[in-house]
Structures are given as C-alpha cells and as structure tokens.
C-alpha cells in the first residue's frame, strides 16, 4: 500500500509551475519540489491546507492511497 502525492498532475492540469505555487502559498520552493517529486516521508498538514486553498481543490485531488 502506498500514499501518492499527485501534485505534479494537478499543477500540469492547471498549467502552473512549482515556482508559482511556492510564491502563492509561501511554502519554500525546495519543499514544493519534494512534494512534486514524491520524495517526502512526512508531510506538514498546514502545507496541504495552503496548497488546497490556493489551487481551490480537495485534498483527495492531490493525495491518494493506492493498494498494491
């Protein structure tokens, strides 16, 4: 089982760059990059709150759980 971060897909759909998201959320660009490439083991829920607010999306659109 795996939890997937679909931030790259969502940004692609919206035609936004990582830099735009970092600027609009106030989240460090390195953190956005790690989320974008699914390189994180732990996440900050406040970051997801900011991302969902700025992207006007539900958490289920960028964070999913997949069975193996």
PDB file of N, CA and C in Angstrom:
ATOM      1  N   UNK A   1       0.840  -1.180   0.000  1.00  0.00           N
ATOM      2  CA  UNK A   1       0.000   0.000   0.000  1.00  0.00           C
ATOM      3  C   UNK A   1       0.882   1.239   0.000  1.00  0.00           C
ATOM      4  N   UNK A   2       0.414   2.240  -0.692  1.00  0.00           N
ATOM      5  CA  UNK A   2       1.210   3.456  -0.802  1.00  0.00           C
ATOM      6  C   UNK A   2       0.318   4.683  -0.862  1.00  0.00           C
ATOM      7  N   UNK A   3       0.782   5.742  -0.246  1.00  0.00           N
ATOM      8  CA  UNK A   3       0.127   7.035  -0.357  1.00  0.00           C
ATOM      9  C   UNK A   3       0.872   7.809  -1.427  1.00  0.00           C
ATOM     10  N   UNK A   4       0.137   8.322  -2.389  1.00  0.00           N
ATOM     11  CA  UNK A   4       0.744   9.034  -3.513  1.00  0.00           C
ATOM     12  C   UNK A   4       0.388  10.512  -3.448  1.00  0.00           C
ATOM     13  N   UNK A   5       1.321  11.341  -3.797  1.00  0.00           N
ATOM     14  CA  UNK A   5       1.100  12.786  -3.886  1.00  0.00           C
ATOM     15  C   UNK A   5       1.018  13.120  -5.374  1.00  0.00           C
ATOM     16  N   UNK A   6      -0.127  13.605  -5.799  1.00  0.00           N
ATOM     17  CA  UNK A   6      -0.364  13.872  -7.209  1.00  0.00           C
ATOM     18  C   UNK A   6      -0.242  15.361  -7.540  1.00  0.00           C
ATOM     19  N   UNK A   7       0.656  16.037  -6.850  1.00  0.00           N
ATOM     20  CA  UNK A   7       0.824  17.463  -7.067  1.00  0.00           C
ATOM     21  C   UNK A   7       1.294  17.765  -8.489  1.00  0.00           C
ATOM     22  N   UNK A   8       2.158  16.937  -9.033  1.00  0.00           N
ATOM     23  CA  UNK A   8       2.649  17.171 -10.394  1.00  0.00           C
ATOM     24  C   UNK A   8       1.497  17.116 -11.394  1.00  0.00           C
ATOM     25  N   UNK A   9       0.597  16.173 -11.219  1.00  0.00           N
ATOM     26  CA  UNK A   9      -0.559  16.051 -12.111  1.00  0.00           C
ATOM     27  C   UNK A   9      -1.462  17.284 -12.012  1.00  0.00           C
ATOM     28  N   UNK A  10      -1.730  17.697 -10.773  1.00  0.00           N
ATOM     29  CA  UNK A  10      -2.617  18.848 -10.553  1.00  0.00           C
ATOM     30  C   UNK A  10      -2.018  20.123 -11.127  1.00  0.00           C
ATOM     31  N   UNK A  11      -0.729  20.351 -10.893  1.00  0.00           N
ATOM     32  CA  UNK A  11      -0.091  21.541 -11.447  1.00  0.00           C
ATOM     33  C   UNK A  11      -0.099  21.496 -12.971  1.00  0.00           C
ATOM     34  N   UNK A  12       0.102  20.320 -13.550  1.00  0.00           N
ATOM     35  CA  UNK A  12       0.054  20.176 -15.000  1.00  0.00           C
ATOM     36  C   UNK A  12      -1.320  20.510 -15.558  1.00  0.00           C
ATOM     37  N   UNK A  13      -2.368  20.040 -14.885  1.00  0.00           N
ATOM     38  CA  UNK A  13      -3.736  20.335 -15.313  1.00  0.00           C
ATOM     39  C   UNK A  13      -4.008  21.834 -15.302  1.00  0.00           C
ATOM     40  N   UNK A  14      -3.447  22.507 -14.302  1.00  0.00           N
ATOM     41  CA  UNK A  14      -3.692  23.937 -14.148  1.00  0.00           C
ATOM     42  C   UNK A  14      -2.672  24.787 -14.909  1.00  0.00           C
ATOM     43  N   UNK A  15      -1.662  24.123 -15.450  1.00  0.00           N
ATOM     44  CA  UNK A  15      -0.573  24.806 -16.167  1.00  0.00           C
ATOM     45  C   UNK A  15       0.146  25.810 -15.266  1.00  0.00           C
ATOM     46  N   UNK A  16       0.419  25.357 -14.035  1.00  0.00           N
ATOM     47  CA  UNK A  16       1.164  26.156 -13.066  1.00  0.00           C
ATOM     48  C   UNK A  16       2.548  25.555 -12.913  1.00  0.00           C
ATOM     49  N   UNK A  17       3.514  26.381 -12.562  1.00  0.00           N
ATOM     50  CA  UNK A  17       4.848  25.898 -12.257  1.00  0.00           C
ATOM     51  C   UNK A  17       4.994  25.717 -10.755  1.00  0.00           C
ATOM     52  N   UNK A  18       6.018  24.989 -10.373  1.00  0.00           N
ATOM     53  CA  UNK A  18       6.320  24.840  -8.952  1.00  0.00           C
ATOM     54  C   UNK A  18       6.610  26.200  -8.336  1.00  0.00           C
ATOM     55  N   UNK A  19       7.297  27.047  -9.072  1.00  0.00           N
ATOM     56  CA  UNK A  19       7.644  28.388  -8.574  1.00  0.00           C
ATOM     57  C   UNK A  19       6.404  29.215  -8.282  1.00  0.00           C
ATOM     58  N   UNK A  20       5.415  29.144  -9.176  1.00  0.00           N
ATOM     59  CA  UNK A  20       4.162  29.881  -8.950  1.00  0.00           C
ATOM     60  C   UNK A  20       3.484  29.403  -7.672  1.00  0.00           C
ATOM     61  N   UNK A  21       3.437  28.086  -7.502  1.00  0.00           N
ATOM     62  CA  UNK A  21       2.794  27.531  -6.311  1.00  0.00           C
ATOM     63  C   UNK A  21       3.545  27.951  -5.052  1.00  0.00           C
ATOM     64  N   UNK A  22       4.848  27.896  -5.087  1.00  0.00           N
ATOM     65  CA  UNK A  22       5.647  28.303  -3.924  1.00  0.00           C
ATOM     66  C   UNK A  22       5.387  29.770  -3.588  1.00  0.00           C
ATOM     67  N   UNK A  23       5.357  30.613  -4.594  1.00  0.00           N
ATOM     68  CA  UNK A  23       5.146  32.045  -4.390  1.00  0.00           C
ATOM     69  C   UNK A  23       3.758  32.317  -3.806  1.00  0.00           C
ATOM     70  N   UNK A  24       2.746  31.643  -4.332  1.00  0.00           N
ATOM     71  CA  UNK A  24       1.373  31.909  -3.909  1.00  0.00           C
ATOM     72  C   UNK A  24       1.027  31.283  -2.556  1.00  0.00           C
ATOM     73  N   UNK A  25       1.728  30.227  -2.167  1.00  0.00           N
ATOM     74  CA  UNK A  25       1.445  29.582  -0.883  1.00  0.00           C
ATOM     75  C   UNK A  25       2.381  30.046   0.222  1.00  0.00           C
ATOM     76  N   UNK A  26       3.550  30.564  -0.158  1.00  0.00           N
ATOM     77  CA  UNK A  26       4.546  30.934   0.845  1.00  0.00           C
ATOM     78  C   UNK A  26       5.345  29.739   1.342  1.00  0.00           C
ATOM     79  N   UNK A  27       5.207  28.604   0.673  1.00  0.00           N
ATOM     80  CA  UNK A  27       5.950  27.387   1.028  1.00  0.00           C
ATOM     81  C   UNK A  27       7.279  27.418   0.279  1.00  0.00           C
ATOM     82  N   UNK A  28       8.352  27.025   0.953  1.00  0.00           N
ATOM     83  CA  UNK A  28       9.676  27.034   0.336  1.00  0.00           C
ATOM     84  C   UNK A  28       9.676  26.250  -0.976  1.00  0.00           C
ATOM     85  N   UNK A  29      10.351  26.769  -2.006  1.00  0.00           N
ATOM     86  CA  UNK A  29      10.422  26.058  -3.289  1.00  0.00           C
ATOM     87  C   UNK A  29      10.980  24.639  -3.156  1.00  0.00           C
ATOM     88  N   UNK A  30      11.947  24.430  -2.268  1.00  0.00           N
ATOM     89  CA  UNK A  30      12.501  23.080  -2.070  1.00  0.00           C
ATOM     90  C   UNK A  30      11.433  22.119  -1.551  1.00  0.00           C
ATOM     91  N   UNK A  31      10.584  22.602  -0.678  1.00  0.00           N
ATOM     92  CA  UNK A  31       9.515  21.766  -0.130  1.00  0.00           C
ATOM     93  C   UNK A  31       8.508  21.414  -1.223  1.00  0.00           C
ATOM     94  N   UNK A  32       8.141  22.405  -2.043  1.00  0.00           N
ATOM     95  CA  UNK A  32       7.232  22.153  -3.160  1.00  0.00           C
ATOM     96  C   UNK A  32       7.844  21.116  -4.096  1.00  0.00           C
ATOM     97  N   UNK A  33       9.132  21.243  -4.386  1.00  0.00           N
ATOM     98  CA  UNK A  33       9.822  20.309  -5.267  1.00  0.00           C
ATOM     99  C   UNK A  33       9.794  18.884  -4.702  1.00  0.00           C
ATOM    100  N   UNK A  34      10.016  18.744  -3.412  1.00  0.00           N
ATOM    101  CA  UNK A  34       9.993  17.418  -2.778  1.00  0.00           C
ATOM    102  C   UNK A  34       8.594  16.807  -2.840  1.00  0.00           C
ATOM    103  N   UNK A  35       7.569  17.609  -2.635  1.00  0.00           N
ATOM    104  CA  UNK A  35       6.197  17.113  -2.749  1.00  0.00           C
ATOM    105  C   UNK A  35       5.886  16.753  -4.202  1.00  0.00           C
ATOM    106  N   UNK A  36       6.295  17.589  -5.119  1.00  0.00           N
ATOM    107  CA  UNK A  36       6.063  17.391  -6.554  1.00  0.00           C
ATOM    108  C   UNK A  36       6.647  16.066  -7.036  1.00  0.00           C
ATOM    109  N   UNK A  37       7.844  15.740  -6.559  1.00  0.00           N
ATOM    110  CA  UNK A  37       8.527  14.515  -6.979  1.00  0.00           C
ATOM    111  C   UNK A  37       8.309  13.340  -6.018  1.00  0.00           C
ATOM    112  N   UNK A  38       7.413  13.516  -5.051  1.00  0.00           N
ATOM    113  CA  UNK A  38       7.058  12.475  -4.078  1.00  0.00           C
ATOM    114  C   UNK A  38       8.286  11.947  -3.338  1.00  0.00           C
ATOM    115  N   UNK A  39       9.114  12.862  -2.867  1.00  0.00           N
ATOM    116  CA  UNK A  39      10.346  12.487  -2.166  1.00  0.00           C
ATOM    117  C   UNK A  39      10.226  12.619  -0.651  1.00  0.00           C
ATOM    118  N   UNK A  40       9.037  12.844  -0.144  1.00  0.00           N
ATOM    119  CA  UNK A  40       8.844  13.075   1.292  1.00  0.00           C
ATOM    120  C   UNK A  40       8.334  11.820   1.990  1.00  0.00           C
ATOM    121  N   UNK A  41       8.761  11.656   3.235  1.00  0.00           N
ATOM    122  CA  UNK A  41       8.262  10.573   4.075  1.00  0.00           C
ATOM    123  C   UNK A  41       7.209  11.092   5.046  1.00  0.00           C
ATOM    124  N   UNK A  42       7.334  12.371   5.370  1.00  0.00           N
ATOM    125  CA  UNK A  42       6.397  13.014   6.291  1.00  0.00           C
ATOM    126  C   UNK A  42       5.907  14.293   5.647  1.00  0.00           C
ATOM    127  N   UNK A  43       4.685  14.648   5.951  1.00  0.00           N
ATOM    128  CA  UNK A  43       4.124  15.857   5.368  1.00  0.00           C
ATOM    129  C   UNK A  43       3.609  16.789   6.452  1.00  0.00           C
ATOM    130  N   UNK A  44       3.600  18.060   6.140  1.00  0.00           N
ATOM    131  CA  UNK A  44       3.059  19.073   7.020  1.00  0.00           C
ATOM    132  C   UNK A  44       1.627  19.342   6.560  1.00  0.00           C
ATOM    133  N   UNK A  45       0.663  19.098   7.417  1.00  0.00           N
ATOM    134  CA  UNK A  45      -0.738  19.264   7.034  1.00  0.00           C
ATOM    135  C   UNK A  45      -1.067  20.712   6.692  1.00  0.00           C
ATOM    136  N   UNK A  46      -0.387  21.645   7.332  1.00  0.00           N
ATOM    137  CA  UNK A  46      -0.611  23.058   7.015  1.00  0.00           C
ATOM    138  C   UNK A  46      -0.205  23.358   5.574  1.00  0.00           C
ATOM    139  N   UNK A  47       0.845  22.688   5.088  1.00  0.00           N
ATOM    140  CA  UNK A  47       1.245  22.864   3.695  1.00  0.00           C
ATOM    141  C   UNK A  47       0.128  22.405   2.760  1.00  0.00           C
ATOM    142  N   UNK A  48      -0.457  21.257   3.046  1.00  0.00           N
ATOM    143  CA  UNK A  48      -1.549  20.769   2.202  1.00  0.00           C
ATOM    144  C   UNK A  48      -2.762  21.683   2.295  1.00  0.00           C
ATOM    145  N   UNK A  49      -2.995  22.258   3.450  1.00  0.00           N
ATOM    146  CA  UNK A  49      -4.088  23.213   3.599  1.00  0.00           C
ATOM    147  C   UNK A  49      -3.855  24.425   2.698  1.00  0.00           C
ATOM    148  N   UNK A  50      -2.646  24.953   2.711  1.00  0.00           N
ATOM    149  CA  UNK A  50      -2.314  26.105   1.868  1.00  0.00           C
ATOM    150  C   UNK A  50      -2.406  25.750   0.383  1.00  0.00           C
ATOM    151  N   UNK A  51      -1.878  24.595   0.014  1.00  0.00           N
ATOM    152  CA  UNK A  51      -1.899  24.164  -1.385  1.00  0.00           C
ATOM    153  C   UNK A  51      -3.333  24.004  -1.877  1.00  0.00           C
ATOM    154  N   UNK A  52      -4.163  23.326  -1.098  1.00  0.00           N
ATOM    155  CA  UNK A  52      -5.564  23.119  -1.497  1.00  0.00           C
ATOM    156  C   UNK A  52      -6.311  24.446  -1.585  1.00  0.00           C
ATOM    157  N   UNK A  53      -6.015  25.369  -0.694  1.00  0.00           N
ATOM    158  CA  UNK A  53      -6.664  26.679  -0.728  1.00  0.00           C
ATOM    159  C   UNK A  53      -6.286  27.433  -1.991  1.00  0.00           C
ATOM    160  N   UNK A  54      -4.988  27.480  -2.296  1.00  0.00           N
ATOM    161  CA  UNK A  54      -4.509  28.220  -3.467  1.00  0.00           C
ATOM    162  C   UNK A  54      -4.962  27.561  -4.776  1.00  0.00           C
ATOM    163  N   UNK A  55      -4.932  26.234  -4.826  1.00  0.00           N
ATOM    164  CA  UNK A  55      -5.333  25.527  -6.044  1.00  0.00           C
ATOM    165  C   UNK A  55      -6.849  25.337  -6.135  1.00  0.00           C
ATOM    166  N   UNK A  56      -7.558  25.705  -5.057  1.00  0.00           N
ATOM    167  CA  UNK A  56      -9.009  25.555  -4.999  1.00  0.00           C
ATOM    168  C   UNK A  56      -9.412  24.113  -5.313  1.00  0.00           C
ATOM    169  N   UNK A  57      -8.811  23.178  -4.561  1.00  0.00           N
ATOM    170  CA  UNK A  57      -9.088  21.761  -4.792  1.00  0.00           C
ATOM    171  C   UNK A  57      -9.279  21.039  -3.465  1.00  0.00           C
ATOM    172  N   UNK A  58      -9.786  19.829  -3.554  1.00  0.00           N
ATOM    173  CA  UNK A  58      -9.914  18.974  -2.377  1.00  0.00           C
ATOM    174  C   UNK A  58      -8.614  18.214  -2.171  1.00  0.00           C
ATOM    175  N   UNK A  59      -8.356  17.820  -0.948  1.00  0.00           N
ATOM    176  CA  UNK A  59      -7.159  17.046  -0.640  1.00  0.00           C
ATOM    177  C   UNK A  59      -7.124  15.752  -1.449  1.00  0.00           C
ATOM    178  N   UNK A  60      -8.289  15.178  -1.705  1.00  0.00           N
ATOM    179  CA  UNK A  60      -8.369  13.921  -2.469  1.00  0.00           C
ATOM    180  C   UNK A  60      -7.887  14.072  -3.910  1.00  0.00           C
ATOM    181  N   UNK A  61      -7.738  15.306  -4.391  1.00  0.00           N
ATOM    182  CA  UNK A  61      -7.247  15.524  -5.747  1.00  0.00           C
ATOM    183  C   UNK A  61      -5.725  15.485  -5.822  1.00  0.00           C
ATOM    184  N   UNK A  62      -5.055  15.639  -4.673  1.00  0.00           N
ATOM    185  CA  UNK A  62      -3.587  15.648  -4.695  1.00  0.00           C
ATOM    186  C   UNK A  62      -2.953  14.608  -3.774  1.00  0.00           C
ATOM    187  N   UNK A  63      -3.772  13.928  -2.988  1.00  0.00           N
ATOM    188  CA  UNK A  63      -3.254  12.916  -2.074  1.00  0.00           C
ATOM    189  C   UNK A  63      -4.167  11.696  -2.148  1.00  0.00           C
ATOM    190  N   UNK A  64      -3.611  10.548  -2.547  1.00  0.00           N
ATOM    191  CA  UNK A  64      -4.430   9.340  -2.676  1.00  0.00           C
ATOM    192  C   UNK A  64      -3.722   8.152  -2.026  1.00  0.00           C
ATOM    193  N   UNK A  65      -4.501   7.149  -1.707  1.00  0.00           N
ATOM    194  CA  UNK A  65      -3.982   5.909  -1.156  1.00  0.00           C
ATOM    195  C   UNK A  65      -4.236   4.819  -2.173  1.00  0.00           C
ATOM    196  N   UNK A  66      -3.184   4.095  -2.540  1.00  0.00           N
ATOM    197  CA  UNK A  66      -3.299   3.003  -3.518  1.00  0.00           C
ATOM    198  C   UNK A  66      -2.942   1.684  -2.879  1.00  0.00           C
ATOM    199  N   UNK A  67      -3.771   0.678  -3.139  1.00  0.00           N
ATOM    200  CA  UNK A  67      -3.438  -0.684  -2.709  1.00  0.00           C
ATOM    201  C   UNK A  67      -2.414  -1.237  -3.672  1.00  0.00           C
ATOM    202  N   UNK A  68      -1.557  -2.092  -3.170  1.00  0.00           N
ATOM    203  CA  UNK A  68      -0.547  -2.726  -4.043  1.00  0.00           C
ATOM    204  C   UNK A  68      -1.166  -3.738  -4.956  1.00  0.00           C
TER     205      UNK A  68
END
